Amino acid sequence: MRTVLLGLLVVAACSKSGSAKDPAPPPAVVEGATAKASDPASLPPAGTAPTPVAVTKELDMMWTAPLKTLKGTPAKLEDYKGKALMIVNVASKCGNTPQYSSLEALQKKYAAQGFTVIGFPCNQFGGQEPGTAEEISEFCAVNYGITFPIMEKIDVNGPSRHEVYKALTPIADAKGTTGDIRWNFEKFVVSADGTKVTRFDPRTKPDDPTVIAAVEAALPKK
């Protein structure tokens, strides 16, 4: 009888100690500021869009100009015709670089409605995009989870200005400013039918209500 009681006590002790060693539940995932900023739910409602600039043949060279993606795949902007576009010159080491988050939020919210952001890395502003194509690709994927297309590095100003920006830079923003790109993350919203362009300066963030309104106005008409 004593042996049986001792056995029961040992079993009970083992049971208690075993429960203490059960694996702890995984910690709750705390969403960081970058992830939150890329969430479409973080975008504010649309405001009032600036009056876009009407274009006819001004963008012809832009559509057919040869491009390459960061992976070296040949591309042209005409591959995206029929979609509303946000064309933006990007950089990895700029004070405006966090705008990648809200660019991705726009992409997630409006892609299914016929919209895409297209990024053009450029190293002409303070040398803030010095990396190789592979480094830029990794930076965008790891830090911002970018899903929109990004092209190879180009010049947006000067004698080697790419044809895409030769077409875009004469277009005025809401204040009437035309000409050279002013800094990283200047934005051009092109309507899905290719007839209207709205230009925003680098300081106007992609989640500004006026930008969101311009994107919504540029979407394909149902």
Protein backbone atom coordinates (compact mmCIF):
# COMPACT_ATOMS: atom_id res chain seq x y z
CA MET A 1 0.00 0.00 0.00
CA ARG A 2 2.81 2.38 0.91
CA THR A 3 4.49 1.63 -2.43
CA VAL A 4 1.30 2.46 -4.32
CA LEU A 5 0.92 5.79 -2.48
CA LEU A 6 4.51 6.73 -3.18
CA GLY A 7 3.99 5.94 -6.85
CA LEU A 8 0.94 8.16 -7.01
CA LEU A 9 2.83 11.03 -5.37
CA VAL A 10 5.67 10.68 -7.89
CA VAL A 11 3.23 10.69 -10.82
CA ALA A 12 1.51 13.78 -9.43
CA ALA A 13 4.82 15.58 -8.95
CA CYS A 14 5.93 14.74 -12.46
CA SER A 15 2.62 15.95 -13.84
CA LYS A 16 3.02 19.32 -12.09
CA SER A 17 6.61 19.78 -13.15
CA GLY A 18 5.75 18.77 -16.70
CA SER A 19 3.01 21.39 -16.94
CA ALA A 20 5.50 24.01 -15.79
CA LYS A 21 7.73 23.08 -18.71
CA ASP A 22 5.01 23.36 -21.37
CA PRO A 23 6.10 25.74 -24.13
CA ALA A 24 4.93 29.28 -23.56
CA PRO A 25 2.52 30.71 -26.13
CA PRO A 26 4.24 32.79 -28.82
CA PRO A 27 4.35 36.50 -28.07
CA ALA A 28 1.77 38.68 -29.77
CA VAL A 29 3.02 40.19 -32.98
CA VAL A 30 3.38 43.92 -32.56
CA GLU A 31 2.98 45.66 -35.88
CA GLY A 32 5.70 48.22 -36.46
CA ALA A 33 5.22 51.75 -37.72
CA THR A 34 6.39 50.83 -41.23
CA ALA A 35 3.88 47.99 -41.54
CA LYS A 36 1.09 50.19 -40.23
CA ALA A 37 1.91 52.91 -42.73
CA SER A 38 1.72 50.37 -45.58
CA ASP A 39 -1.76 49.27 -44.47
CA PRO A 40 -4.42 50.65 -46.85
CA ALA A 41 -6.64 51.18 -43.82
CA SER A 42 -4.15 53.86 -42.70
CA LEU A 43 -4.97 56.03 -45.71
CA PRO A 44 -7.24 59.02 -45.08
CA PRO A 45 -10.30 59.73 -47.21
CA ALA A 46 -9.77 61.44 -50.54
CA GLY A 47 -9.78 65.22 -50.55
CA THR A 48 -10.01 67.50 -53.56
CA ALA A 49 -7.66 66.79 -56.44
CA PRO A 50 -5.81 69.61 -58.17
CA THR A 51 -6.93 70.29 -61.71
CA PRO A 52 -4.92 67.92 -63.92
CA VAL A 53 -3.04 69.02 -67.02
CA ALA A 54 -4.60 67.79 -70.24
CA VAL A 55 -2.16 66.15 -72.66
CA THR A 56 -2.42 64.82 -76.19
CA LYS A 57 0.82 63.71 -77.84
CA GLU A 58 3.12 65.07 -75.14
CA LEU A 59 3.52 61.63 -73.56
CA ASP A 60 4.10 59.66 -76.77
CA MET A 61 7.85 59.22 -76.20
CA MET A 62 7.22 58.12 -72.62
CA TRP A 63 5.10 55.12 -73.55
CA THR A 64 7.55 53.59 -75.99
CA ALA A 65 10.88 54.46 -74.31
CA PRO A 66 12.86 51.28 -73.53
CA LEU A 67 13.21 50.46 -69.83
CA LYS A 68 14.54 47.67 -67.67
CA THR A 69 13.24 46.45 -64.35
CA LEU A 70 15.58 46.01 -61.39
CA LYS A 71 15.93 42.38 -62.50
CA GLY A 72 17.08 43.49 -65.95
CA THR A 73 13.87 42.49 -67.71
CA PRO A 74 13.04 44.73 -70.70
CA ALA A 75 9.91 46.82 -70.18
CA LYS A 76 8.01 49.83 -71.51
CA LEU A 77 5.39 52.02 -69.89
CA GLU A 78 2.99 51.04 -72.64
CA ASP A 79 2.90 47.65 -70.88
CA TYR A 80 0.83 49.46 -68.22
CA LYS A 81 -1.46 51.39 -70.56
CA GLY A 82 -5.05 51.30 -69.45
CA LYS A 83 -4.06 51.66 -65.80
CA ALA A 84 -3.79 54.80 -63.74
CA LEU A 85 -0.11 55.34 -62.97
CA MET A 86 1.84 57.11 -60.27
CA ILE A 87 5.34 57.66 -61.60
CA VAL A 88 7.80 58.61 -58.87
CA ASN A 89 11.59 58.96 -58.65
CA VAL A 90 12.75 57.09 -55.56
CA ALA A 91 15.82 56.80 -53.35
CA SER A 92 16.86 54.59 -50.44
CA LYS A 93 18.76 57.08 -48.26
CA CYS A 94 16.58 60.18 -48.37
CA GLY A 95 14.53 61.92 -45.73
CA ASN A 96 11.57 61.21 -48.00
CA THR A 97 12.30 57.47 -48.20
CA PRO A 98 9.56 56.61 -45.65
CA GLN A 99 7.11 57.68 -48.37
CA TYR A 100 7.63 54.15 -49.70
CA SER A 101 5.19 53.00 -47.01
CA SER A 102 2.27 55.09 -48.20
CA LEU A 103 3.14 54.37 -51.84
CA GLU A 104 2.73 50.69 -51.01
CA ALA A 105 -0.52 51.42 -49.16
CA LEU A 106 -1.86 53.09 -52.32
CA GLN A 107 -0.72 50.12 -54.37
CA LYS A 108 -2.53 47.67 -52.11
CA LYS A 109 -5.73 49.72 -52.00
CA TYR A 110 -6.11 50.58 -55.69
CA ALA A 111 -4.24 47.89 -57.69
CA ALA A 112 -7.38 45.82 -58.18
CA GLN A 113 -9.13 48.91 -59.56
CA GLY A 114 -6.55 49.42 -62.30
CA PHE A 115 -3.72 51.37 -60.69
CA THR A 116 -0.01 50.94 -60.16
CA VAL A 117 2.88 52.90 -58.75
CA ILE A 118 6.06 52.72 -60.85
CA GLY A 119 9.31 53.66 -59.13
CA PHE A 120 12.36 55.08 -60.89
CA PRO A 121 15.50 55.03 -58.69
CA CYS A 122 17.73 58.04 -59.25
CA ASN A 123 21.05 59.02 -57.67
CA GLN A 124 21.06 62.67 -58.77
CA PHE A 125 19.92 64.17 -55.46
CA GLY A 126 22.63 64.12 -52.83
CA GLY A 127 23.84 60.69 -53.99
CA GLN A 128 20.97 59.14 -52.04
CA GLU A 129 20.46 56.12 -54.29
CA PRO A 130 24.00 54.70 -54.57
CA GLY A 131 23.13 51.00 -54.53
CA THR A 132 23.16 48.38 -57.25
CA ALA A 133 19.90 47.05 -58.69
CA GLU A 134 20.18 44.05 -56.37
CA GLU A 135 20.76 46.27 -53.32
CA ILE A 136 17.81 48.52 -54.19
CA SER A 137 15.57 45.51 -54.71
CA GLU A 138 16.58 43.99 -51.38
CA PHE A 139 16.14 47.30 -49.55
CA CYS A 140 12.62 47.77 -50.90
CA ALA A 141 11.58 44.19 -50.18
CA VAL A 142 13.07 43.92 -46.69
CA ASN A 143 12.18 47.36 -45.37
CA TYR A 144 8.90 48.15 -47.09
CA GLY A 145 7.55 44.97 -48.69
CA ILE A 146 7.20 46.76 -52.00
CA THR A 147 4.99 45.00 -54.54
CA PHE A 148 4.82 47.65 -57.27
CA PRO A 149 7.29 47.63 -60.20
CA ILE A 150 10.60 49.43 -59.81
CA MET A 151 12.79 50.10 -62.82
CA GLU A 152 16.55 50.31 -63.10
CA LYS A 153 18.29 53.49 -62.02
CA ILE A 154 17.99 56.43 -64.44
CA ASP A 155 18.71 60.16 -64.67
CA VAL A 156 15.65 62.38 -64.39
CA ASN A 157 17.44 65.71 -64.98
CA GLY A 158 20.31 66.97 -67.11
CA PRO A 159 21.72 65.91 -70.50
CA SER A 160 21.12 62.20 -69.81
CA ARG A 161 17.52 62.70 -68.69
CA HIS A 162 15.51 59.60 -69.55
CA GLU A 163 12.78 59.89 -72.20
CA VAL A 164 10.11 59.22 -69.58
CA TYR A 165 11.14 62.38 -67.75
CA LYS A 166 11.68 64.34 -70.95
CA ALA A 167 7.96 63.85 -71.45
CA LEU A 168 6.91 64.52 -67.86
CA THR A 169 9.02 67.49 -66.73
CA PRO A 170 7.35 70.11 -68.97
CA ILE A 171 4.07 69.39 -67.17
CA ALA A 172 3.15 71.92 -64.46
CA ASP A 173 2.06 71.20 -60.91
CA ALA A 174 -0.84 73.00 -59.22
CA LYS A 175 1.39 76.04 -58.56
CA GLY A 176 2.45 76.26 -62.21
CA THR A 177 5.96 74.91 -61.59
CA THR A 178 7.47 73.07 -64.54
CA GLY A 179 10.92 71.82 -65.46
CA ASP A 180 13.50 69.83 -63.53
CA ILE A 181 12.58 67.29 -60.90
CA ARG A 182 13.19 69.06 -57.59
CA TRP A 183 14.17 66.13 -55.33
CA ASN A 184 13.50 62.48 -54.63
CA PHE A 185 9.85 61.37 -54.58
CA GLU A 186 8.31 63.87 -57.00
CA LYS A 187 5.07 62.32 -58.26
CA PHE A 188 3.11 62.28 -61.51
CA VAL A 189 -0.36 60.74 -61.57
CA VAL A 190 -1.31 59.76 -65.13
CA SER A 191 -4.94 58.96 -65.89
CA ALA A 192 -5.80 55.51 -67.19
CA ASP A 193 -6.71 56.92 -70.60
CA GLY A 194 -3.39 58.80 -70.78
CA THR A 195 -4.99 62.21 -71.30
CA LYS A 196 -4.43 63.88 -67.92
CA VAL A 197 -1.44 64.31 -65.60
CA THR A 198 -1.34 65.68 -62.06
CA ARG A 199 2.09 66.60 -60.69
CA PHE A 200 2.98 66.75 -56.99
CA ASP A 201 6.18 68.09 -55.44
CA PRO A 202 8.41 65.78 -53.35
CA ARG A 203 7.16 67.17 -50.03
CA THR A 204 3.55 66.22 -50.77
CA LYS A 205 3.24 62.74 -49.32
CA PRO A 206 1.48 59.92 -51.16
CA ASP A 207 -1.14 59.73 -48.40
CA ASP A 208 -2.05 63.40 -48.73
CA PRO A 209 -5.82 63.61 -49.40
CA THR A 210 -5.18 65.61 -52.59
CA VAL A 211 -2.94 62.84 -53.94
CA ILE A 212 -5.48 60.17 -53.05
CA ALA A 213 -8.17 62.18 -54.84
CA ALA A 214 -5.97 62.46 -57.93
CA VAL A 215 -5.42 58.70 -57.92
CA GLU A 216 -9.15 58.00 -57.63
CA ALA A 217 -9.92 60.47 -60.45
CA ALA A 218 -7.30 58.78 -62.65
CA LEU A 219 -8.67 55.25 -62.28
CA PRO A 220 -10.24 53.52 -65.31
CA LYS A 221 -13.85 54.49 -65.79
CA LYS A 222 -16.35 51.67 -65.37
